Amino acid sequence: MKDELLFKIGQSVRYLRLKQGISQEELAFKAALNMNSISTLERGVNNVKIKTLYKIAEALNTDICEILNCKF
């Protein structure tokens, strides 16, 4: 069973990534993460660390608050 909050955060990251027209692979490279981390995050499969969200926010040139707002 998916955790609703994790799913929403993942969808928020996905929305912001697609809005910028970049692939999961490109986001992973920019955030110094592996692509599997991005994939599982976007699907809401695993819990996400704050440090990971911070890296993703920086890679997306956005504030971590925008990811956590889950407004898309």
PDB file of N, CA and C in Angstrom:
ATOM      1  N   MET A   1       0.844  -1.187   0.000  1.00  0.00           N
ATOM      2  CA  MET A   1       0.000   0.000   0.000  1.00  0.00           C
ATOM      3  C   MET A   1       0.888   1.250   0.000  1.00  0.00           C
ATOM      4  N   LYS A   2       0.574   2.182  -0.851  1.00  0.00           N
ATOM      5  CA  LYS A   2       1.352   3.414  -0.947  1.00  0.00           C
ATOM      6  C   LYS A   2       0.967   4.385   0.152  1.00  0.00           C
ATOM      7  N   ASP A   3       1.956   5.084   0.648  1.00  0.00           N
ATOM      8  CA  ASP A   3       1.726   6.154   1.590  1.00  0.00           C
ATOM      9  C   ASP A   3       1.318   7.383   0.783  1.00  0.00           C
ATOM     10  N   GLU A   4       0.188   7.967   1.110  1.00  0.00           N
ATOM     11  CA  GLU A   4      -0.361   9.082   0.329  1.00  0.00           C
ATOM     12  C   GLU A   4       0.579  10.290   0.290  1.00  0.00           C
ATOM     13  N   LEU A   5       1.208  10.623   1.401  1.00  0.00           N
ATOM     14  CA  LEU A   5       2.112  11.765   1.429  1.00  0.00           C
ATOM     15  C   LEU A   5       3.330  11.515   0.534  1.00  0.00           C
ATOM     16  N   LEU A   6       3.924  10.336   0.639  1.00  0.00           N
ATOM     17  CA  LEU A   6       5.080  10.012  -0.202  1.00  0.00           C
ATOM     18  C   LEU A   6       4.702  10.042  -1.678  1.00  0.00           C
ATOM     19  N   PHE A   7       3.508   9.551  -1.988  1.00  0.00           N
ATOM     20  CA  PHE A   7       3.042   9.570  -3.369  1.00  0.00           C
ATOM     21  C   PHE A   7       2.889  11.003  -3.878  1.00  0.00           C
ATOM     22  N   LYS A   8       2.318  11.877  -3.053  1.00  0.00           N
ATOM     23  CA  LYS A   8       2.130  13.277  -3.452  1.00  0.00           C
ATOM     24  C   LYS A   8       3.469  13.986  -3.644  1.00  0.00           C
ATOM     25  N   ILE A   9       4.417  13.730  -2.760  1.00  0.00           N
ATOM     26  CA  ILE A   9       5.747  14.334  -2.909  1.00  0.00           C
ATOM     27  C   ILE A   9       6.395  13.847  -4.195  1.00  0.00           C
ATOM     28  N   GLY A  10       6.277  12.559  -4.458  1.00  0.00           N
ATOM     29  CA  GLY A  10       6.829  11.995  -5.687  1.00  0.00           C
ATOM     30  C   GLY A  10       6.204  12.597  -6.926  1.00  0.00           C
ATOM     31  N   GLN A  11       4.901  12.788  -6.899  1.00  0.00           N
ATOM     32  CA  GLN A  11       4.210  13.381  -8.038  1.00  0.00           C
ATOM     33  C   GLN A  11       4.589  14.849  -8.203  1.00  0.00           C
ATOM     34  N   SER A  12       4.858  15.513  -7.093  1.00  0.00           N
ATOM     35  CA  SER A  12       5.305  16.896  -7.148  1.00  0.00           C
ATOM     36  C   SER A  12       6.670  16.991  -7.828  1.00  0.00           C
ATOM     37  N   VAL A  13       7.585  16.098  -7.458  1.00  0.00           N
ATOM     38  CA  VAL A  13       8.904  16.064  -8.099  1.00  0.00           C
ATOM     39  C   VAL A  13       8.741  15.763  -9.584  1.00  0.00           C
ATOM     40  N   ARG A  14       7.905  14.803  -9.900  1.00  0.00           N
ATOM     41  CA  ARG A  14       7.669  14.432 -11.306  1.00  0.00           C
ATOM     42  C   ARG A  14       7.135  15.619 -12.102  1.00  0.00           C
ATOM     43  N   TYR A  15       6.156  16.317 -11.525  1.00  0.00           N
ATOM     44  CA  TYR A  15       5.568  17.478 -12.190  1.00  0.00           C
ATOM     45  C   TYR A  15       6.626  18.545 -12.468  1.00  0.00           C
ATOM     46  N   LEU A  16       7.426  18.865 -11.462  1.00  0.00           N
ATOM     47  CA  LEU A  16       8.454  19.892 -11.626  1.00  0.00           C
ATOM     48  C   LEU A  16       9.511  19.458 -12.639  1.00  0.00           C
ATOM     49  N   ARG A  17       9.847  18.177 -12.628  1.00  0.00           N
ATOM     50  CA  ARG A  17      10.830  17.658 -13.584  1.00  0.00           C
ATOM     51  C   ARG A  17      10.295  17.750 -15.011  1.00  0.00           C
ATOM     52  N   LEU A  18       9.063  17.304 -15.214  1.00  0.00           N
ATOM     53  CA  LEU A  18       8.481  17.344 -16.558  1.00  0.00           C
ATOM     54  C   LEU A  18       8.244  18.773 -17.032  1.00  0.00           C
ATOM     55  N   LYS A  19       7.911  19.648 -16.094  1.00  0.00           N
ATOM     56  CA  LYS A  19       7.713  21.064 -16.422  1.00  0.00           C
ATOM     57  C   LYS A  19       8.993  21.662 -17.017  1.00  0.00           C
ATOM     58  N   GLN A  20      10.145  21.175 -16.554  1.00  0.00           N
ATOM     59  CA  GLN A  20      11.429  21.645 -17.063  1.00  0.00           C
ATOM     60  C   GLN A  20      11.901  20.830 -18.267  1.00  0.00           C
ATOM     61  N   GLY A  21      11.162  19.780 -18.602  1.00  0.00           N
ATOM     62  CA  GLY A  21      11.497  18.977 -19.778  1.00  0.00           C
ATOM     63  C   GLY A  21      12.742  18.126 -19.621  1.00  0.00           C
ATOM     64  N   ILE A  22      12.996  17.655 -18.403  1.00  0.00           N
ATOM     65  CA  ILE A  22      14.174  16.811 -18.218  1.00  0.00           C
ATOM     66  C   ILE A  22      13.763  15.392 -17.833  1.00  0.00           C
ATOM     67  N   SER A  23      14.612  14.452 -18.155  1.00  0.00           N
ATOM     68  CA  SER A  23      14.346  13.046 -17.866  1.00  0.00           C
ATOM     69  C   SER A  23      14.733  12.712 -16.428  1.00  0.00           C
ATOM     70  N   GLN A  24      14.293  11.538 -15.988  1.00  0.00           N
ATOM     71  CA  GLN A  24      14.702  11.062 -14.670  1.00  0.00           C
ATOM     72  C   GLN A  24      16.215  10.911 -14.615  1.00  0.00           C
ATOM     73  N   GLU A  25      16.778  10.436 -15.699  1.00  0.00           N
ATOM     74  CA  GLU A  25      18.223  10.236 -15.764  1.00  0.00           C
ATOM     75  C   GLU A  25      18.971  11.564 -15.614  1.00  0.00           C
ATOM     76  N   GLU A  26      18.484  12.589 -16.291  1.00  0.00           N
ATOM     77  CA  GLU A  26      19.124  13.906 -16.206  1.00  0.00           C
ATOM     78  C   GLU A  26      18.990  14.492 -14.800  1.00  0.00           C
ATOM     79  N   LEU A  27      17.814  14.348 -14.202  1.00  0.00           N
ATOM     80  CA  LEU A  27      17.619  14.842 -12.839  1.00  0.00           C
ATOM     81  C   LEU A  27      18.540  14.099 -11.879  1.00  0.00           C
ATOM     82  N   ALA A  28      18.644  12.792 -12.038  1.00  0.00           N
ATOM     83  CA  ALA A  28      19.526  12.005 -11.180  1.00  0.00           C
ATOM     84  C   ALA A  28      20.969  12.493 -11.302  1.00  0.00           C
ATOM     85  N   PHE A  29      21.405  12.754 -12.516  1.00  0.00           N
ATOM     86  CA  PHE A  29      22.767  13.242 -12.741  1.00  0.00           C
ATOM     87  C   PHE A  29      22.975  14.599 -12.068  1.00  0.00           C
ATOM     88  N   LYS A  30      22.035  15.525 -12.281  1.00  0.00           N
ATOM     89  CA  LYS A  30      22.155  16.864 -11.697  1.00  0.00           C
ATOM     90  C   LYS A  30      22.137  16.840 -10.171  1.00  0.00           C
ATOM     91  N   ALA A  31      21.399  15.893  -9.592  1.00  0.00           N
ATOM     92  CA  ALA A  31      21.275  15.806  -8.142  1.00  0.00           C
ATOM     93  C   ALA A  31      22.311  14.865  -7.516  1.00  0.00           C
ATOM     94  N   ALA A  32      23.175  14.290  -8.342  1.00  0.00           N
ATOM     95  CA  ALA A  32      24.188  13.329  -7.884  1.00  0.00           C
ATOM     96  C   ALA A  32      23.555  12.135  -7.165  1.00  0.00           C
ATOM     97  N   LEU A  33      22.466  11.633  -7.762  1.00  0.00           N
ATOM     98  CA  LEU A  33      21.762  10.458  -7.250  1.00  0.00           C
ATOM     99  C   LEU A  33      21.710   9.418  -8.356  1.00  0.00           C
ATOM    100  N   ASN A  34      21.294   8.211  -8.010  1.00  0.00           N
ATOM    101  CA  ASN A  34      21.116   7.242  -9.082  1.00  0.00           C
ATOM    102  C   ASN A  34      19.675   7.307  -9.591  1.00  0.00           C
ATOM    103  N   MET A  35      19.478   6.844 -10.808  1.00  0.00           N
ATOM    104  CA  MET A  35      18.165   6.962 -11.432  1.00  0.00           C
ATOM    105  C   MET A  35      17.103   6.180 -10.672  1.00  0.00           C
ATOM    106  N   ASN A  36      17.481   5.075 -10.057  1.00  0.00           N
ATOM    107  CA  ASN A  36      16.533   4.283  -9.285  1.00  0.00           C
ATOM    108  C   ASN A  36      15.964   5.101  -8.120  1.00  0.00           C
ATOM    109  N   SER A  37      16.774   5.947  -7.533  1.00  0.00           N
ATOM    110  CA  SER A  37      16.304   6.804  -6.433  1.00  0.00           C
ATOM    111  C   SER A  37      15.211   7.754  -6.906  1.00  0.00           C
ATOM    112  N   ILE A  38      15.402   8.323  -8.079  1.00  0.00           N
ATOM    113  CA  ILE A  38      14.401   9.237  -8.638  1.00  0.00           C
ATOM    114  C   ILE A  38      13.125   8.475  -8.971  1.00  0.00           C
ATOM    115  N   SER A  39      13.281   7.322  -9.589  1.00  0.00           N
ATOM    116  CA  SER A  39      12.131   6.510  -9.978  1.00  0.00           C
ATOM    117  C   SER A  39      11.292   6.097  -8.770  1.00  0.00           C
ATOM    118  N   THR A  40      11.943   5.564  -7.727  1.00  0.00           N
ATOM    119  CA  THR A  40      11.190   5.126  -6.549  1.00  0.00           C
ATOM    120  C   THR A  40      10.570   6.311  -5.813  1.00  0.00           C
ATOM    121  N   LEU A  41      11.260   7.448  -5.815  1.00  0.00           N
ATOM    122  CA  LEU A  41      10.697   8.648  -5.181  1.00  0.00           C
ATOM    123  C   LEU A  41       9.432   9.085  -5.906  1.00  0.00           C
ATOM    124  N   GLU A  42       9.501   9.167  -7.219  1.00  0.00           N
ATOM    125  CA  GLU A  42       8.349   9.633  -7.992  1.00  0.00           C
ATOM    126  C   GLU A  42       7.151   8.691  -7.861  1.00  0.00           C
ATOM    127  N   ARG A  43       7.406   7.416  -7.644  1.00  0.00           N
ATOM    128  CA  ARG A  43       6.319   6.449  -7.481  1.00  0.00           C
ATOM    129  C   ARG A  43       5.822   6.367  -6.044  1.00  0.00           C
ATOM    130  N   GLY A  44       6.513   7.040  -5.128  1.00  0.00           N
ATOM    131  CA  GLY A  44       6.101   7.030  -3.725  1.00  0.00           C
ATOM    132  C   GLY A  44       6.353   5.698  -3.046  1.00  0.00           C
ATOM    133  N   VAL A  45       7.342   4.958  -3.533  1.00  0.00           N
ATOM    134  CA  VAL A  45       7.606   3.620  -3.028  1.00  0.00           C
ATOM    135  C   VAL A  45       8.369   3.634  -1.712  1.00  0.00           C
ATOM    136  N   ASN A  46       9.395   4.462  -1.616  1.00  0.00           N
ATOM    137  CA  ASN A  46      10.240   4.496  -0.420  1.00  0.00           C
ATOM    138  C   ASN A  46      10.167   5.842   0.266  1.00  0.00           C
ATOM    139  N   ASN A  47      10.466   5.817   1.552  1.00  0.00           N
ATOM    140  CA  ASN A  47      10.572   7.061   2.300  1.00  0.00           C
ATOM    141  C   ASN A  47      11.749   7.861   1.738  1.00  0.00           C
ATOM    142  N   VAL A  48      11.645   9.155   1.782  1.00  0.00           N
ATOM    143  CA  VAL A  48      12.687  10.003   1.213  1.00  0.00           C
ATOM    144  C   VAL A  48      13.357  10.815   2.310  1.00  0.00           C
ATOM    145  N   LYS A  49      14.672  10.939   2.205  1.00  0.00           N
ATOM    146  CA  LYS A  49      15.428  11.721   3.185  1.00  0.00           C
ATOM    147  C   LYS A  49      15.366  13.200   2.813  1.00  0.00           C
ATOM    148  N   ILE A  50      15.435  14.031   3.813  1.00  0.00           N
ATOM    149  CA  ILE A  50      15.437  15.478   3.603  1.00  0.00           C
ATOM    150  C   ILE A  50      16.629  15.884   2.739  1.00  0.00           C
ATOM    151  N   LYS A  51      17.786  15.285   2.981  1.00  0.00           N
ATOM    152  CA  LYS A  51      18.974  15.599   2.188  1.00  0.00           C
ATOM    153  C   LYS A  51      18.744  15.289   0.709  1.00  0.00           C
ATOM    154  N   THR A  52      18.054  14.200   0.435  1.00  0.00           N
ATOM    155  CA  THR A  52      17.758  13.831  -0.950  1.00  0.00           C
ATOM    156  C   THR A  52      16.817  14.847  -1.580  1.00  0.00           C
ATOM    157  N   LEU A  53      15.788  15.244  -0.846  1.00  0.00           N
ATOM    158  CA  LEU A  53      14.861  16.254  -1.373  1.00  0.00           C
ATOM    159  C   LEU A  53      15.580  17.575  -1.621  1.00  0.00           C
ATOM    160  N   TYR A  54      16.501  17.914  -0.751  1.00  0.00           N
ATOM    161  CA  TYR A  54      17.272  19.150  -0.919  1.00  0.00           C
ATOM    162  C   TYR A  54      18.104  19.094  -2.196  1.00  0.00           C
ATOM    163  N   LYS A  55      18.761  17.958  -2.439  1.00  0.00           N
ATOM    164  CA  LYS A  55      19.549  17.788  -3.661  1.00  0.00           C
ATOM    165  C   LYS A  55      18.672  17.899  -4.902  1.00  0.00           C
ATOM    166  N   ILE A  56      17.491  17.299  -4.841  1.00  0.00           N
ATOM    167  CA  ILE A  56      16.566  17.344  -5.979  1.00  0.00           C
ATOM    168  C   ILE A  56      16.073  18.765  -6.204  1.00  0.00           C
ATOM    169  N   ALA A  57      15.727  19.460  -5.125  1.00  0.00           N
ATOM    170  CA  ALA A  57      15.275  20.850  -5.248  1.00  0.00           C
ATOM    171  C   ALA A  57      16.357  21.709  -5.898  1.00  0.00           C
ATOM    172  N   GLU A  58      17.601  21.540  -5.471  1.00  0.00           N
ATOM    173  CA  GLU A  58      18.702  22.294  -6.079  1.00  0.00           C
ATOM    174  C   GLU A  58      18.845  21.956  -7.561  1.00  0.00           C
ATOM    175  N   ALA A  59      18.744  20.681  -7.894  1.00  0.00           N
ATOM    176  CA  ALA A  59      18.878  20.249  -9.287  1.00  0.00           C
ATOM    177  C   ALA A  59      17.749  20.801 -10.155  1.00  0.00           C
ATOM    178  N   LEU A  60      16.578  21.013  -9.547  1.00  0.00           N
ATOM    179  CA  LEU A  60      15.430  21.560 -10.273  1.00  0.00           C
ATOM    180  C   LEU A  60      15.372  23.093 -10.183  1.00  0.00           C
ATOM    181  N   ASN A  61      16.377  23.691  -9.557  1.00  0.00           N
ATOM    182  CA  ASN A  61      16.419  25.149  -9.370  1.00  0.00           C
ATOM    183  C   ASN A  61      15.146  25.675  -8.713  1.00  0.00           C
ATOM    184  N   THR A  62      14.755  24.993  -7.652  1.00  0.00           N
ATOM    185  CA  THR A  62      13.555  25.385  -6.934  1.00  0.00           C
ATOM    186  C   THR A  62      13.816  25.282  -5.440  1.00  0.00           C
ATOM    187  N   ASP A  63      12.848  25.695  -4.671  1.00  0.00           N
ATOM    188  CA  ASP A  63      12.926  25.619  -3.222  1.00  0.00           C
ATOM    189  C   ASP A  63      12.280  24.311  -2.767  1.00  0.00           C
ATOM    190  N   ILE A  64      12.813  23.723  -1.721  1.00  0.00           N
ATOM    191  CA  ILE A  64      12.263  22.466  -1.217  1.00  0.00           C
ATOM    192  C   ILE A  64      10.793  22.626  -0.815  1.00  0.00           C
ATOM    193  N   CYS A  65      10.415  23.824  -0.408  1.00  0.00           N
ATOM    194  CA  CYS A  65       9.017  24.087  -0.036  1.00  0.00           C
ATOM    195  C   CYS A  65       8.073  23.869  -1.213  1.00  0.00           C
ATOM    196  N   GLU A  66       8.531  24.184  -2.414  1.00  0.00           N
ATOM    197  CA  GLU A  66       7.690  23.980  -3.583  1.00  0.00           C
ATOM    198  C   GLU A  66       7.404  22.499  -3.802  1.00  0.00           C
ATOM    199  N   ILE A  67       8.389  21.664  -3.531  1.00  0.00           N
ATOM    200  CA  ILE A  67       8.172  20.215  -3.636  1.00  0.00           C
ATOM    201  C   ILE A  67       7.193  19.750  -2.567  1.00  0.00           C
ATOM    202  N   LEU A  68       7.370  20.233  -1.357  1.00  0.00           N
ATOM    203  CA  LEU A  68       6.521  19.785  -0.241  1.00  0.00           C
ATOM    204  C   LEU A  68       5.098  20.327  -0.309  1.00  0.00           C
ATOM    205  N   ASN A  69       4.885  21.428  -1.031  1.00  0.00           N
ATOM    206  CA  ASN A  69       3.534  21.966  -1.177  1.00  0.00           C
ATOM    207  C   ASN A  69       2.619  21.048  -1.975  1.00  0.00           C
ATOM    208  N   CYS A  70       3.200  20.239  -2.837  1.00  0.00           N
ATOM    209  CA  CYS A  70       2.462  19.266  -3.647  1.00  0.00           C
ATOM    210  C   CYS A  70       1.298  19.900  -4.409  1.00  0.00           C
ATOM    211  N   LYS A  71       1.481  21.107  -4.892  1.00  0.00           N
ATOM    212  CA  LYS A  71       0.436  21.803  -5.656  1.00  0.00           C
ATOM    213  C   LYS A  71       0.814  21.792  -7.113  1.00  0.00           C
ATOM    214  N   PHE A  72       0.141  20.961  -7.854  1.00  0.00           N
ATOM    215  CA  PHE A  72       0.418  20.851  -9.290  1.00  0.00           C
ATOM    216  C   PHE A  72      -0.854  20.588 -10.038  1.00  0.00           C
TER     217      PHE A  72
END
